[in-house]
Amino acid sequence: MKKKEYDKTGYRSFLMEKIMEKEVGTTVAITGKDPKERLKELTEYLEKGISSLYESETYREYLDVMAKFHSYSFANSILIRMQKPDATRVAGYHAWKKEFN
C-alpha cells in the first residue's frame, strides 16, 4: 500500500481528523427544492455543527494544548497532544541534552 503524502493544508486536515475523530465523517443530506431552502438547511446544519464543536470536550482539549504550547505551530501542538496528552514542557533534543546532562 502506498503511503499518503500530505501537503501543509492536507497535513493539517489529517491532524484535525485524528484529534477530532468523533466529529469527522458526517454526511449532509440537503433536501430543499430551491436554492434558498437549500442554503437555509446548510446554514442551520453548519450552525449546529459549530455549536457542538465549541461545546465538545475535544475542543476544550485543543484549547488546553494551544494554551500550554502557544509558541509552537498548530501541527506541532497537535502532535504533542497525540504523543503525550499530559505534556507540560517540550524541548528539542539539544536543549534537553544541555539542560539535563
C-alpha atoms as a PDB file:
ATOM      1  CA  MET A   1       0.000   0.000   0.000  1.00  0.00           C
ATOM      2  CA  LYS A   2       1.361   3.423  -0.975  1.00  0.00           C
ATOM      3  CA  LYS A   3       1.905   5.835   1.917  1.00  0.00           C
ATOM      4  CA  LYS A   4      -0.144   9.031   1.646  1.00  0.00           C
ATOM      5  CA  GLU A   5       1.784  12.249   1.318  1.00  0.00           C
ATOM      6  CA  TYR A   6       0.205  15.395   2.711  1.00  0.00           C
ATOM      7  CA  ASP A   7       0.935  18.965   1.746  1.00  0.00           C
ATOM      8  CA  LYS A   8       0.756  21.546   4.542  1.00  0.00           C
ATOM      9  CA  THR A   9      -3.033  22.002   4.185  1.00  0.00           C
ATOM     10  CA  GLY A  10      -3.667  18.272   3.827  1.00  0.00           C
ATOM     11  CA  TYR A  11      -1.439  17.567   6.815  1.00  0.00           C
ATOM     12  CA  ARG A  12      -3.461  19.954   8.965  1.00  0.00           C
ATOM     13  CA  SER A  13      -6.679  18.299   7.812  1.00  0.00           C
ATOM     14  CA  PHE A  14      -5.215  14.899   8.624  1.00  0.00           C
ATOM     15  CA  LEU A  15      -4.221  16.056  12.128  1.00  0.00           C
ATOM     16  CA  MET A  16      -7.633  17.587  12.778  1.00  0.00           C
ATOM     17  CA  GLU A  17      -9.282  14.320  11.744  1.00  0.00           C
ATOM     18  CA  LYS A  18      -7.053  12.430  14.150  1.00  0.00           C
ATOM     19  CA  ILE A  19      -7.753  14.657  17.123  1.00  0.00           C
ATOM     20  CA  MET A  20     -11.434  15.065  16.336  1.00  0.00           C
ATOM     21  CA  GLU A  21     -12.294  11.543  15.185  1.00  0.00           C
ATOM     22  CA  LYS A  22     -15.768  11.680  16.733  1.00  0.00           C
ATOM     23  CA  GLU A  23     -16.764  14.833  14.847  1.00  0.00           C
ATOM     24  CA  VAL A  24     -15.357  13.891  11.422  1.00  0.00           C
ATOM     25  CA  GLY A  25     -17.184  11.921   8.760  1.00  0.00           C
ATOM     26  CA  THR A  26     -20.776  13.186   8.911  1.00  0.00           C
ATOM     27  CA  THR A  27     -22.720  13.226   5.642  1.00  0.00           C
ATOM     28  CA  VAL A  28     -25.184  16.044   4.973  1.00  0.00           C
ATOM     29  CA  ALA A  29     -28.440  15.447   3.110  1.00  0.00           C
ATOM     30  CA  ILE A  30     -29.820  18.697   1.708  1.00  0.00           C
ATOM     31  CA  THR A  31     -33.438  18.198   0.606  1.00  0.00           C
ATOM     32  CA  GLY A  32     -34.593  21.754  -0.213  1.00  0.00           C
ATOM     33  CA  LYS A  33     -36.325  22.278  -3.542  1.00  0.00           C
ATOM     34  CA  ASP A  34     -34.993  25.741  -4.388  1.00  0.00           C
ATOM     35  CA  PRO A  35     -31.614  27.383  -3.705  1.00  0.00           C
ATOM     36  CA  LYS A  36     -32.943  29.491  -0.803  1.00  0.00           C
ATOM     37  CA  GLU A  37     -34.274  26.406   1.023  1.00  0.00           C
ATOM     38  CA  ARG A  38     -31.020  24.511   0.439  1.00  0.00           C
ATOM     39  CA  LEU A  39     -28.980  27.472   1.675  1.00  0.00           C
ATOM     40  CA  LYS A  40     -31.168  27.722   4.794  1.00  0.00           C
ATOM     41  CA  GLU A  41     -30.742  23.968   5.511  1.00  0.00           C
ATOM     42  CA  LEU A  42     -27.000  24.141   5.031  1.00  0.00           C
ATOM     43  CA  THR A  43     -26.714  27.241   7.225  1.00  0.00           C
ATOM     44  CA  GLU A  44     -28.694  25.561  10.021  1.00  0.00           C
ATOM     45  CA  TYR A  45     -26.538  22.439   9.738  1.00  0.00           C
ATOM     46  CA  LEU A  46     -23.337  24.494   9.934  1.00  0.00           C
ATOM     47  CA  GLU A  47     -24.610  26.489  12.923  1.00  0.00           C
ATOM     48  CA  LYS A  48     -25.449  23.267  14.792  1.00  0.00           C
ATOM     49  CA  GLY A  49     -22.050  21.804  13.901  1.00  0.00           C
ATOM     50  CA  ILE A  50     -20.156  24.868  15.063  1.00  0.00           C
ATOM     51  CA  SER A  51     -22.140  24.981  18.309  1.00  0.00           C
ATOM     52  CA  SER A  52     -21.453  21.305  19.016  1.00  0.00           C
ATOM     53  CA  LEU A  53     -17.764  21.801  18.214  1.00  0.00           C
ATOM     54  CA  TYR A  54     -17.392  24.668  20.682  1.00  0.00           C
ATOM     55  CA  GLU A  55     -19.199  22.670  23.371  1.00  0.00           C
ATOM     56  CA  SER A  56     -17.198  19.475  22.780  1.00  0.00           C
ATOM     57  CA  GLU A  57     -14.545  18.000  25.050  1.00  0.00           C
ATOM     58  CA  THR A  58     -12.227  17.736  22.044  1.00  0.00           C
ATOM     59  CA  TYR A  59     -12.309  21.494  21.503  1.00  0.00           C
ATOM     60  CA  ARG A  60     -11.531  22.075  25.191  1.00  0.00           C
ATOM     61  CA  GLU A  61      -8.564  19.709  24.912  1.00  0.00           C
ATOM     62  CA  TYR A  62      -7.383  21.553  21.802  1.00  0.00           C
ATOM     63  CA  LEU A  63      -7.551  24.896  23.634  1.00  0.00           C
ATOM     64  CA  ASP A  64      -5.645  23.417  26.590  1.00  0.00           C
ATOM     65  CA  VAL A  65      -2.847  22.256  24.282  1.00  0.00           C
ATOM     66  CA  MET A  66      -2.698  25.599  22.474  1.00  0.00           C
ATOM     67  CA  ALA A  67      -2.576  27.429  25.829  1.00  0.00           C
ATOM     68  CA  LYS A  68       0.393  25.348  27.000  1.00  0.00           C
ATOM     69  CA  PHE A  69       2.304  25.374  23.715  1.00  0.00           C
ATOM     70  CA  HIS A  70       1.277  28.678  22.120  1.00  0.00           C
ATOM     71  CA  SER A  71       4.706  29.279  20.615  1.00  0.00           C
ATOM     72  CA  TYR A  72       4.547  26.010  18.647  1.00  0.00           C
ATOM     73  CA  SER A  73       2.848  25.618  15.277  1.00  0.00           C
ATOM     74  CA  PHE A  74      -0.625  24.156  15.014  1.00  0.00           C
ATOM     75  CA  ALA A  75       0.759  20.894  13.636  1.00  0.00           C
ATOM     76  CA  ASN A  76       3.409  20.532  16.351  1.00  0.00           C
ATOM     77  CA  SER A  77       0.888  21.307  19.090  1.00  0.00           C
ATOM     78  CA  ILE A  78      -1.422  18.589  17.793  1.00  0.00           C
ATOM     79  CA  LEU A  79       1.477  16.132  17.520  1.00  0.00           C
ATOM     80  CA  ILE A  80       2.455  16.880  21.134  1.00  0.00           C
ATOM     81  CA  ARG A  81      -1.151  16.219  22.185  1.00  0.00           C
ATOM     82  CA  MET A  82      -1.272  12.955  20.229  1.00  0.00           C
ATOM     83  CA  GLN A  83       2.052  11.666  21.587  1.00  0.00           C
ATOM     84  CA  LYS A  84       1.841  12.822  25.216  1.00  0.00           C
ATOM     85  CA  PRO A  85      -1.530  14.293  26.228  1.00  0.00           C
ATOM     86  CA  ASP A  86      -0.286  15.210  29.711  1.00  0.00           C
ATOM     87  CA  ALA A  87       2.874  17.011  28.494  1.00  0.00           C
ATOM     88  CA  THR A  88       3.706  20.218  30.335  1.00  0.00           C
ATOM     89  CA  ARG A  89       7.107  21.081  28.829  1.00  0.00           C
ATOM     90  CA  VAL A  90       8.638  20.377  25.440  1.00  0.00           C
ATOM     91  CA  ALA A  91      12.147  20.960  24.141  1.00  0.00           C
ATOM     92  CA  GLY A  92      14.306  19.824  21.260  1.00  0.00           C
ATOM     93  CA  TYR A  93      16.950  17.125  21.585  1.00  0.00           C
ATOM     94  CA  HIS A  94      19.880  19.505  22.129  1.00  0.00           C
ATOM     95  CA  ALA A  95      18.012  21.604  24.689  1.00  0.00           C
ATOM     96  CA  TRP A  96      17.146  18.519  26.742  1.00  0.00           C
ATOM     97  CA  LYS A  97      20.720  17.241  26.441  1.00  0.00           C
ATOM     98  CA  LYS A  98      22.134  20.587  27.577  1.00  0.00           C
ATOM     99  CA  GLU A  99      19.635  21.051  30.416  1.00  0.00           C
ATOM    100  CA  PHE A 100      19.610  17.546  31.893  1.00  0.00           C
ATOM    101  CA  ASN A 101      23.137  16.164  31.347  1.00  0.00           C
END
